[in-house]
Amino acid sequence: MKKLVFASVLFMSVFFAHAQVSVNVNIGTPPNWGPQGYDDSRYYYLPDIDVYYDVNQSSFIYDNGGKWIREKRLPSKYRQYDLYSGYKVVLTDYRGDSPYSYHTKHRASYPKGYHGKPQKNRGEKPVKYAKPKGQQKQDNKNNNKGNKNSKQQSDKNHDHSNGKHR
């Protein structure tokens, strides 16, 4: 009986030790615009806008007058930047908290406009819900016609003669 209890305890300790290792390996959820195949990487460098992205903290890291800032959103001057279309350099060889310590090297190796091997994003780019411009113009014309007709109809049904009847 003692051997059975000992074997059970040994089995459970090995099982839980393995489970803990698996949990520690998961570092964060990469964004949909991140490159496919690099789920275990922590940092991307975006050469077009000279900004880093930290997957663990879901934050952008950028130089603001010599001081490195971490924010959840891109700086205002880059808010129109298309993260899905821009090239992402995956920093696979860095394991620290300040990838910008190699900023001079990164800028030299990956200048603005840099494109390495082709990348696929992890997820699909969100679809904009706006109608094409041609369709918007057509809708506006139809609405204006409808407004004229309803105005004419309204004038026929209402007397706007200051209460004086003829």
Protein backbone atom coordinates (compact mmCIF):
# COMPACT_ATOMS: atom_id res chain seq x y z
CA MET A 1 0.00 0.00 0.00
CA LYS A 2 2.84 2.40 0.84
CA LYS A 3 4.38 1.74 -2.58
CA LEU A 4 1.12 2.68 -4.31
CA VAL A 5 0.85 5.98 -2.39
CA PHE A 6 4.52 6.76 -3.08
CA ALA A 7 4.09 6.04 -6.81
CA SER A 8 0.99 8.26 -6.94
CA VAL A 9 2.76 11.15 -5.23
CA LEU A 10 5.76 10.79 -7.54
CA PHE A 11 3.53 10.74 -10.62
CA MET A 12 1.57 13.81 -9.49
CA SER A 13 4.74 15.82 -8.74
CA VAL A 14 6.18 15.05 -12.19
CA PHE A 15 2.85 15.95 -13.84
CA PHE A 16 2.55 19.31 -12.03
CA ALA A 17 6.21 20.20 -12.67
CA HIS A 18 5.66 19.65 -16.40
CA ALA A 19 2.45 21.73 -16.36
CA GLN A 20 4.27 24.66 -14.73
CA VAL A 21 6.99 24.65 -17.39
CA SER A 22 4.35 24.83 -20.11
CA VAL A 23 2.68 27.83 -18.50
CA ASN A 24 5.97 29.74 -18.16
CA VAL A 25 6.80 29.39 -21.87
CA ASN A 26 3.74 31.36 -22.99
CA ILE A 27 4.89 35.01 -23.16
CA GLY A 28 1.92 36.92 -24.56
CA THR A 29 -0.55 37.04 -27.39
CA PRO A 30 0.83 38.60 -30.56
CA PRO A 31 -1.46 41.08 -32.33
CA ASN A 32 -3.36 40.09 -35.50
CA TRP A 33 -1.14 42.44 -37.49
CA GLY A 34 1.97 40.63 -36.21
CA PRO A 35 3.89 38.32 -38.53
CA GLN A 36 2.82 34.69 -38.66
CA GLY A 37 5.20 32.06 -37.30
CA TYR A 38 6.80 34.11 -34.52
CA ASP A 39 4.46 33.51 -31.59
CA ASP A 40 7.37 33.10 -29.16
CA SER A 41 9.08 36.42 -30.02
CA ARG A 42 8.71 39.38 -27.71
CA TYR A 43 9.67 42.39 -29.88
CA TYR A 44 9.04 43.69 -33.38
CA TYR A 45 10.85 46.64 -34.90
CA LEU A 46 8.79 48.72 -37.37
CA PRO A 47 11.40 50.38 -39.62
CA ASP A 48 8.94 52.58 -41.54
CA ILE A 49 8.07 54.51 -38.38
CA ASP A 50 11.14 53.69 -36.22
CA VAL A 51 9.05 52.16 -33.41
CA TYR A 52 9.29 48.93 -31.39
CA TYR A 53 6.36 46.77 -30.28
CA ASP A 54 6.48 44.72 -27.07
CA VAL A 55 4.20 41.66 -27.40
CA ASN A 56 4.29 40.90 -23.65
CA GLN A 57 3.05 44.34 -22.65
CA SER A 58 1.00 45.03 -25.81
CA SER A 59 2.71 48.39 -26.08
CA PHE A 60 4.64 50.49 -28.56
CA ILE A 61 8.07 51.83 -27.61
CA TYR A 62 9.31 55.00 -29.29
CA ASP A 63 11.86 57.75 -28.85
CA ASN A 64 10.39 61.04 -27.67
CA GLY A 65 13.17 63.61 -27.58
CA GLY A 66 15.77 61.17 -26.25
CA LYS A 67 13.43 59.45 -23.78
CA TRP A 68 11.94 56.05 -24.63
CA ILE A 69 8.19 55.96 -24.06
CA ARG A 70 5.90 52.91 -23.77
CA GLU A 71 2.25 53.38 -24.78
CA LYS A 72 -0.65 51.15 -25.78
CA ARG A 73 -1.27 53.28 -28.88
CA LEU A 74 1.02 54.57 -31.58
CA PRO A 75 2.22 58.17 -31.25
CA SER A 76 -0.31 60.59 -32.78
CA LYS A 77 1.87 61.32 -35.81
CA TYR A 78 1.72 57.60 -36.76
CA ARG A 79 -1.94 56.82 -35.96
CA GLN A 80 -2.74 56.58 -39.69
CA TYR A 81 0.08 54.03 -40.23
CA ASP A 82 -1.23 50.68 -41.49
CA LEU A 83 0.23 48.05 -39.15
CA TYR A 84 -1.08 45.24 -41.38
CA SER A 85 0.76 46.46 -44.48
CA GLY A 86 3.97 47.68 -42.86
CA TYR A 87 7.00 45.40 -42.54
CA LYS A 88 7.79 44.03 -39.08
CA VAL A 89 11.34 42.98 -38.18
CA VAL A 90 11.08 40.25 -35.55
CA LEU A 91 13.87 40.58 -32.99
CA THR A 92 14.56 36.93 -32.26
CA ASP A 93 18.02 37.42 -30.75
CA TYR A 94 17.18 39.88 -27.96
CA ARG A 95 16.07 38.83 -24.45
CA GLY A 96 15.80 41.95 -22.32
CA ASP A 97 13.46 44.79 -21.44
CA SER A 98 14.95 47.55 -23.60
CA PRO A 99 15.37 46.59 -27.26
CA TYR A 100 16.19 50.23 -28.00
CA SER A 101 19.63 49.70 -26.48
CA TYR A 102 20.47 48.40 -29.98
CA HIS A 103 18.53 51.15 -31.75
CA THR A 104 21.52 52.47 -33.72
CA LYS A 105 22.18 48.94 -35.04
CA HIS A 106 18.49 48.39 -35.86
CA ARG A 107 18.17 51.68 -37.77
CA ALA A 108 21.30 50.91 -39.78
CA SER A 109 20.31 47.30 -40.55
CA TYR A 110 16.62 48.05 -41.21
CA PRO A 111 16.22 51.55 -42.69
CA LYS A 112 12.85 53.10 -43.52
CA GLY A 113 11.28 51.15 -46.40
CA TYR A 114 13.12 47.93 -45.50
CA HIS A 115 11.48 44.68 -46.63
CA GLY A 116 13.05 41.32 -45.89
CA LYS A 117 11.49 38.00 -46.74
CA PRO A 118 7.71 38.10 -47.40
CA GLN A 119 5.46 38.09 -44.34
CA LYS A 120 1.93 36.95 -43.67
CA ASN A 121 -0.01 38.53 -40.84
CA ARG A 122 -1.41 36.33 -38.05
CA GLY A 123 -4.93 37.61 -38.70
CA GLU A 124 -7.00 39.32 -41.35
CA LYS A 125 -7.01 43.08 -41.76
CA PRO A 126 -10.32 44.50 -40.52
CA VAL A 127 -12.72 45.54 -43.28
CA LYS A 128 -13.83 49.16 -43.35
CA TYR A 129 -17.59 49.48 -43.40
CA ALA A 130 -17.73 52.63 -45.52
CA LYS A 131 -19.35 52.32 -48.95
CA PRO A 132 -17.22 53.04 -52.04
CA LYS A 133 -17.28 56.74 -53.02
CA GLY A 134 -19.30 56.09 -56.18
CA GLN A 135 -22.00 54.35 -54.16
CA GLN A 136 -22.10 57.20 -51.62
CA LYS A 137 -22.66 59.77 -54.42
CA GLN A 138 -25.47 57.66 -55.90
CA ASP A 139 -27.12 57.32 -52.49
CA ASN A 140 -26.88 61.09 -51.95
CA LYS A 141 -28.56 61.77 -55.34
CA ASN A 142 -31.37 59.38 -54.50
CA ASN A 143 -31.82 60.96 -51.07
CA ASN A 144 -32.00 64.45 -52.57
CA LYS A 145 -34.66 63.33 -55.04
CA GLY A 146 -36.62 61.82 -52.20
CA ASN A 147 -36.31 65.02 -50.20
CA LYS A 148 -37.65 67.15 -53.09
CA ASN A 149 -40.61 64.83 -53.57
CA SER A 150 -41.41 64.76 -49.88
CA LYS A 151 -41.14 68.59 -49.73
CA GLN A 152 -43.61 68.92 -52.63
CA GLN A 153 -45.92 66.41 -50.98
CA SER A 154 -45.64 68.27 -47.69
CA ASP A 155 -46.51 71.60 -49.34
CA LYS A 156 -49.66 70.12 -50.88
CA ASN A 157 -50.93 68.81 -47.55
CA HIS A 158 -50.19 71.82 -45.36
CA ASP A 159 -51.42 75.40 -45.44
CA HIS A 160 -48.67 77.87 -44.53
CA SER A 161 -50.61 81.08 -45.13
CA ASN A 162 -50.41 82.52 -41.61
CA GLY A 163 -53.86 81.25 -40.71
CA LYS A 164 -55.70 83.36 -43.31
CA HIS A 165 -58.05 81.37 -45.54
CA ARG A 166 -59.10 82.55 -48.96
